[in-house]
C-alpha atoms as a PDB file:
ATOM      1  CA  MET A   1     -17.726  12.262  14.343  1.00  0.00           C
ATOM      2  CA  ALA A   2     -14.708  10.454  15.572  1.00  0.00           C
ATOM      3  CA  ALA A   3     -15.189   7.778  18.230  1.00  0.00           C
ATOM      4  CA  ASN A   4     -12.254   8.821  20.471  1.00  0.00           C
ATOM      5  CA  THR A   5     -11.189  12.418  20.550  1.00  0.00           C
ATOM      6  CA  THR A   6      -9.088  13.225  23.697  1.00  0.00           C
ATOM      7  CA  PRO A   7      -6.530  12.177  22.560  1.00  0.00           C
ATOM      8  CA  ILE A   8      -7.803  10.444  19.411  1.00  0.00           C
ATOM      9  CA  PHE A   9      -7.228   6.723  19.211  1.00  0.00           C
ATOM     10  CA  SER A  10      -8.448   4.195  16.658  1.00  0.00           C
ATOM     11  CA  ALA A  11     -11.850   2.722  17.608  1.00  0.00           C
ATOM     12  CA  THR A  12     -11.323  -0.561  15.791  1.00  0.00           C
ATOM     13  CA  PRO A  13      -8.382  -2.315  14.218  1.00  0.00           C
ATOM     14  CA  ALA A  14      -8.179  -2.462  10.457  1.00  0.00           C
ATOM     15  CA  ILE A  15      -6.001  -4.660   8.386  1.00  0.00           C
ATOM     16  CA  GLY A  16      -5.691  -4.250   4.630  1.00  0.00           C
ATOM     17  CA  LEU A  17      -4.729  -7.540   2.935  1.00  0.00           C
ATOM     18  CA  SER A  18      -3.615  -8.067  -0.678  1.00  0.00           C
ATOM     19  CA  ASP A  19      -6.143  -9.648  -2.966  1.00  0.00           C
ATOM     20  CA  ALA A  20      -5.407 -12.981  -4.728  1.00  0.00           C
ATOM     21  CA  THR A  21      -3.377 -11.226  -7.392  1.00  0.00           C
ATOM     22  CA  PRO A  22       0.262 -10.656  -6.507  1.00  0.00           C
ATOM     23  CA  ILE A  23       1.753  -7.274  -6.922  1.00  0.00           C
ATOM     24  CA  LEU A  24       4.108  -7.838  -9.899  1.00  0.00           C
ATOM     25  CA  THR A  25       3.486  -5.674 -12.996  1.00  0.00           C
ATOM     26  CA  ALA A  26       5.470  -2.461 -13.581  1.00  0.00           C
ATOM     27  CA  ASN A  27       3.735   0.963 -13.973  1.00  0.00           C
ATOM     28  CA  THR A  28       5.964   3.826 -14.867  1.00  0.00           C
ATOM     29  CA  THR A  29       3.302   6.525 -15.089  1.00  0.00           C
ATOM     30  CA  THR A  30       3.972   9.550 -12.995  1.00  0.00           C
ATOM     31  CA  ASP A  31       0.366  10.321 -12.038  1.00  0.00           C
ATOM     32  CA  LEU A  32      -1.418   6.959 -11.423  1.00  0.00           C
ATOM     33  CA  THR A  33      -3.908   7.647 -14.240  1.00  0.00           C
ATOM     34  CA  ALA A  34      -3.011   4.600 -16.375  1.00  0.00           C
ATOM     35  CA  GLY A  35      -1.288   1.185 -16.096  1.00  0.00           C
ATOM     36  CA  THR A  36      -1.439  -1.514 -13.494  1.00  0.00           C
ATOM     37  CA  ILE A  37      -2.251  -0.238 -10.024  1.00  0.00           C
ATOM     38  CA  TYR A  38      -2.791  -2.228  -6.855  1.00  0.00           C
ATOM     39  CA  LEU A  39      -5.260  -1.086  -4.183  1.00  0.00           C
ATOM     40  CA  LEU A  40      -3.773  -1.723  -0.692  1.00  0.00           C
ATOM     41  CA  PHE A  41      -6.189   0.019   1.659  1.00  0.00           C
ATOM     42  CA  THR A  42      -9.388   2.070   1.756  1.00  0.00           C
ATOM     43  CA  ALA A  43      -9.974   4.352   4.764  1.00  0.00           C
ATOM     44  CA  ASP A  44     -13.166   3.967   6.844  1.00  0.00           C
ATOM     45  CA  ALA A  45     -16.054   5.728   4.901  1.00  0.00           C
ATOM     46  CA  THR A  46     -17.301   7.659   7.916  1.00  0.00           C
ATOM     47  CA  ASP A  47     -14.345   8.749  10.035  1.00  0.00           C
ATOM     48  CA  GLY A  48     -11.223   7.843   8.206  1.00  0.00           C
ATOM     49  CA  SER A  49      -8.328   5.612   9.388  1.00  0.00           C
ATOM     50  CA  TYR A  50      -4.947   5.770  10.961  1.00  0.00           C
ATOM     51  CA  ILE A  51      -2.254   4.020   8.897  1.00  0.00           C
ATOM     52  CA  ASP A  52       0.599   2.685  10.981  1.00  0.00           C
ATOM     53  CA  LYS A  53       2.648   0.721   8.463  1.00  0.00           C
ATOM     54  CA  ILE A  54       2.625  -1.427   5.336  1.00  0.00           C
ATOM     55  CA  ILE A  55       4.446  -4.711   5.189  1.00  0.00           C
ATOM     56  CA  ILE A  56       5.484  -5.858   1.655  1.00  0.00           C
ATOM     57  CA  GLN A  57       6.339  -9.606   1.559  1.00  0.00           C
ATOM     58  CA  PRO A  58       7.973 -11.168  -1.511  1.00  0.00           C
ATOM     59  CA  ILE A  59       6.356 -14.447  -2.449  1.00  0.00           C
ATOM     60  CA  GLY A  60       9.254 -15.927  -4.425  1.00  0.00           C
ATOM     61  CA  THR A  61      12.194 -14.948  -6.672  1.00  0.00           C
ATOM     62  CA  ASN A  62      12.092 -11.406  -7.919  1.00  0.00           C
ATOM     63  CA  VAL A  63      14.505  -8.829  -9.372  1.00  0.00           C
ATOM     64  CA  ALA A  64      15.055  -5.644  -7.522  1.00  0.00           C
ATOM     65  CA  THR A  65      12.507  -2.897  -8.130  1.00  0.00           C
ATOM     66  CA  ALA A  66      11.150   0.381  -6.829  1.00  0.00           C
ATOM     67  CA  GLY A  67       7.884   0.333  -4.867  1.00  0.00           C
ATOM     68  CA  ARG A  68       5.738   3.455  -5.021  1.00  0.00           C
ATOM     69  CA  LEU A  69       2.828   4.388  -2.667  1.00  0.00           C
ATOM     70  CA  TRP A  70       0.062   6.719  -3.775  1.00  0.00           C
ATOM     71  CA  ILE A  71      -2.819   8.409  -2.009  1.00  0.00           C
ATOM     72  CA  ASN A  72      -6.038   8.777  -3.896  1.00  0.00           C
ATOM     73  CA  ASN A  73      -8.911  10.966  -2.630  1.00  0.00           C
ATOM     74  CA  GLY A  74     -11.479   8.253  -3.194  1.00  0.00           C
ATOM     75  CA  ALA A  75     -12.486   9.313  -6.593  1.00  0.00           C
ATOM     76  CA  THR A  76     -11.363   7.981  -9.985  1.00  0.00           C
ATOM     77  CA  THR A  77      -7.590   7.354 -10.397  1.00  0.00           C
ATOM     78  CA  GLY A  78      -8.020   8.320 -14.067  1.00  0.00           C
ATOM     79  CA  THR A  79      -7.905  12.044 -13.003  1.00  0.00           C
ATOM     80  CA  ALA A  80      -4.347  13.056 -12.078  1.00  0.00           C
ATOM     81  CA  THR A  81      -5.452  15.634  -9.516  1.00  0.00           C
ATOM     82  CA  ASN A  82      -7.092  12.915  -7.455  1.00  0.00           C
ATOM     83  CA  ASN A  83      -3.747  11.160  -6.836  1.00  0.00           C
ATOM     84  CA  THR A  84      -0.433  11.948  -5.232  1.00  0.00           C
ATOM     85  CA  GLN A  85       2.724   9.863  -4.970  1.00  0.00           C
ATOM     86  CA  PHE A  86       3.954  10.131  -1.393  1.00  0.00           C
ATOM     87  CA  LYS A  87       6.588   7.533  -0.873  1.00  0.00           C
ATOM     88  CA  ASP A  88       8.923   5.311  -2.772  1.00  0.00           C
ATOM     89  CA  PHE A  89      11.263   2.603  -1.530  1.00  0.00           C
ATOM     90  CA  THR A  90      13.562  -0.108  -2.815  1.00  0.00           C
ATOM     91  CA  LEU A  91      12.431  -3.677  -2.915  1.00  0.00           C
ATOM     92  CA  ALA A  92      15.543  -5.836  -2.980  1.00  0.00           C
ATOM     93  CA  ALA A  93      16.094  -8.861  -5.298  1.00  0.00           C
ATOM     94  CA  THR A  94      14.911 -12.005  -3.679  1.00  0.00           C
ATOM     95  CA  THR A  95      15.557 -15.692  -4.221  1.00  0.00           C
ATOM     96  CA  VAL A  96      12.961 -18.227  -2.970  1.00  0.00           C
ATOM     97  CA  SER A  97      14.236 -20.704  -0.315  1.00  0.00           C
ATOM     98  CA  GLN A  98      12.639 -23.271   1.809  1.00  0.00           C
ATOM     99  CA  VAL A  99      15.351 -23.037   4.522  1.00  0.00           C
ATOM    100  CA  VAL A 100      16.162 -19.293   4.638  1.00  0.00           C
ATOM    101  CA  ALA A 101      13.729 -16.430   5.103  1.00  0.00           C
ATOM    102  CA  ILE A 102      13.373 -14.047   2.192  1.00  0.00           C
ATOM    103  CA  GLY A 103      12.648 -11.114   4.433  1.00  0.00           C
ATOM    104  CA  ASN A 104      10.148  -8.314   3.908  1.00  0.00           C
ATOM    105  CA  THR A 105      10.091  -4.600   3.534  1.00  0.00           C
ATOM    106  CA  GLU A 106       8.247  -2.533   6.234  1.00  0.00           C
ATOM    107  CA  VAL A 107       7.146   0.928   5.292  1.00  0.00           C
ATOM    108  CA  THR A 108       6.393   3.063   8.367  1.00  0.00           C
ATOM    109  CA  LEU A 109       3.689   5.627   7.725  1.00  0.00           C
ATOM    110  CA  GLY A 110       2.020   6.917  10.915  1.00  0.00           C
ATOM    111  CA  PHE A 111      -0.605   9.267   9.612  1.00  0.00           C
ATOM    112  CA  ALA A 112      -4.396   9.657   9.412  1.00  0.00           C
ATOM    113  CA  LEU A 113      -6.150   9.010   6.096  1.00  0.00           C
ATOM    114  CA  PRO A 114      -9.409  10.923   5.567  1.00  0.00           C
ATOM    115  CA  ALA A 115     -12.704   9.099   5.127  1.00  0.00           C
ATOM    116  CA  GLY A 116     -12.819   7.145   1.826  1.00  0.00           C
ATOM    117  CA  TYR A 117      -9.333   7.908   0.751  1.00  0.00           C
ATOM    118  CA  ARG A 118      -7.243   5.033  -0.662  1.00  0.00           C
ATOM    119  CA  ILE A 119      -3.623   3.896  -0.793  1.00  0.00           C
ATOM    120  CA  TYR A 120      -2.400   2.315  -3.965  1.00  0.00           C
ATOM    121  CA  MET A 121       0.956   0.799  -4.949  1.00  0.00           C
ATOM    122  CA  THR A 122       2.852   0.513  -8.195  1.00  0.00           C
ATOM    123  CA  LEU A 123       6.253  -1.072  -9.142  1.00  0.00           C
ATOM    124  CA  GLY A 124       9.003   0.338 -11.274  1.00  0.00           C
ATOM    125  CA  THR A 125       9.944  -2.967 -12.810  1.00  0.00           C
ATOM    126  CA  THR A 126       7.919  -6.123 -13.481  1.00  0.00           C
ATOM    127  CA  VAL A 127       8.931  -9.010 -11.234  1.00  0.00           C
ATOM    128  CA  ALA A 128       8.486 -12.795 -11.585  1.00  0.00           C
ATOM    129  CA  ALA A 129       6.829 -14.005  -8.387  1.00  0.00           C
ATOM    130  CA  GLY A 130       5.507 -10.713  -6.970  1.00  0.00           C
ATOM    131  CA  PHE A 131       4.654  -9.384  -3.527  1.00  0.00           C
ATOM    132  CA  LYS A 132       1.793  -9.459  -1.042  1.00  0.00           C
ATOM    133  CA  SER A 133       0.966  -6.505   1.212  1.00  0.00           C
ATOM    134  CA  THR A 134      -0.440  -6.128   4.668  1.00  0.00           C
ATOM    135  CA  VAL A 135      -1.565  -2.670   5.882  1.00  0.00           C
ATOM    136  CA  VAL A 136      -1.691  -2.289   9.639  1.00  0.00           C
ATOM    137  CA  ALA A 137      -4.168   0.406  10.533  1.00  0.00           C
ATOM    138  CA  GLY A 138      -7.051   1.433  12.730  1.00  0.00           C
ATOM    139  CA  ASN A 139     -10.483   2.970  11.994  1.00  0.00           C
ATOM    140  CA  TYR A 140     -11.707   6.057  13.853  1.00  0.00           C
END
């Protein structure tokens, strides 16, 4: 049962942080069933979560690539019907600098994710330095 229902608000903040591995290896599959995939966020197991946005920060010099976001229903990604690609976006080429900001890409989402569902990310082209992600969300 949701914690706040009239209107519904997040009960607790939730931040999804990249793990130690940068997002950098390409995956050109069209159904998320194979290749390198990066888990960005898992919704609260009981009541789900509200996903506000994802911030993708380059961590060095990279070629331009496409970023793709996927929703998984919490089951294995190896079954195509458990996954859907819902958003793609361009990640511009970047050059590392110690005096000029590289900039980031902010992907606005603004939707509720059911309990246990996950958000994954893939890249269209392998990059050199990679990216880190921060998911700004709230648990119900």
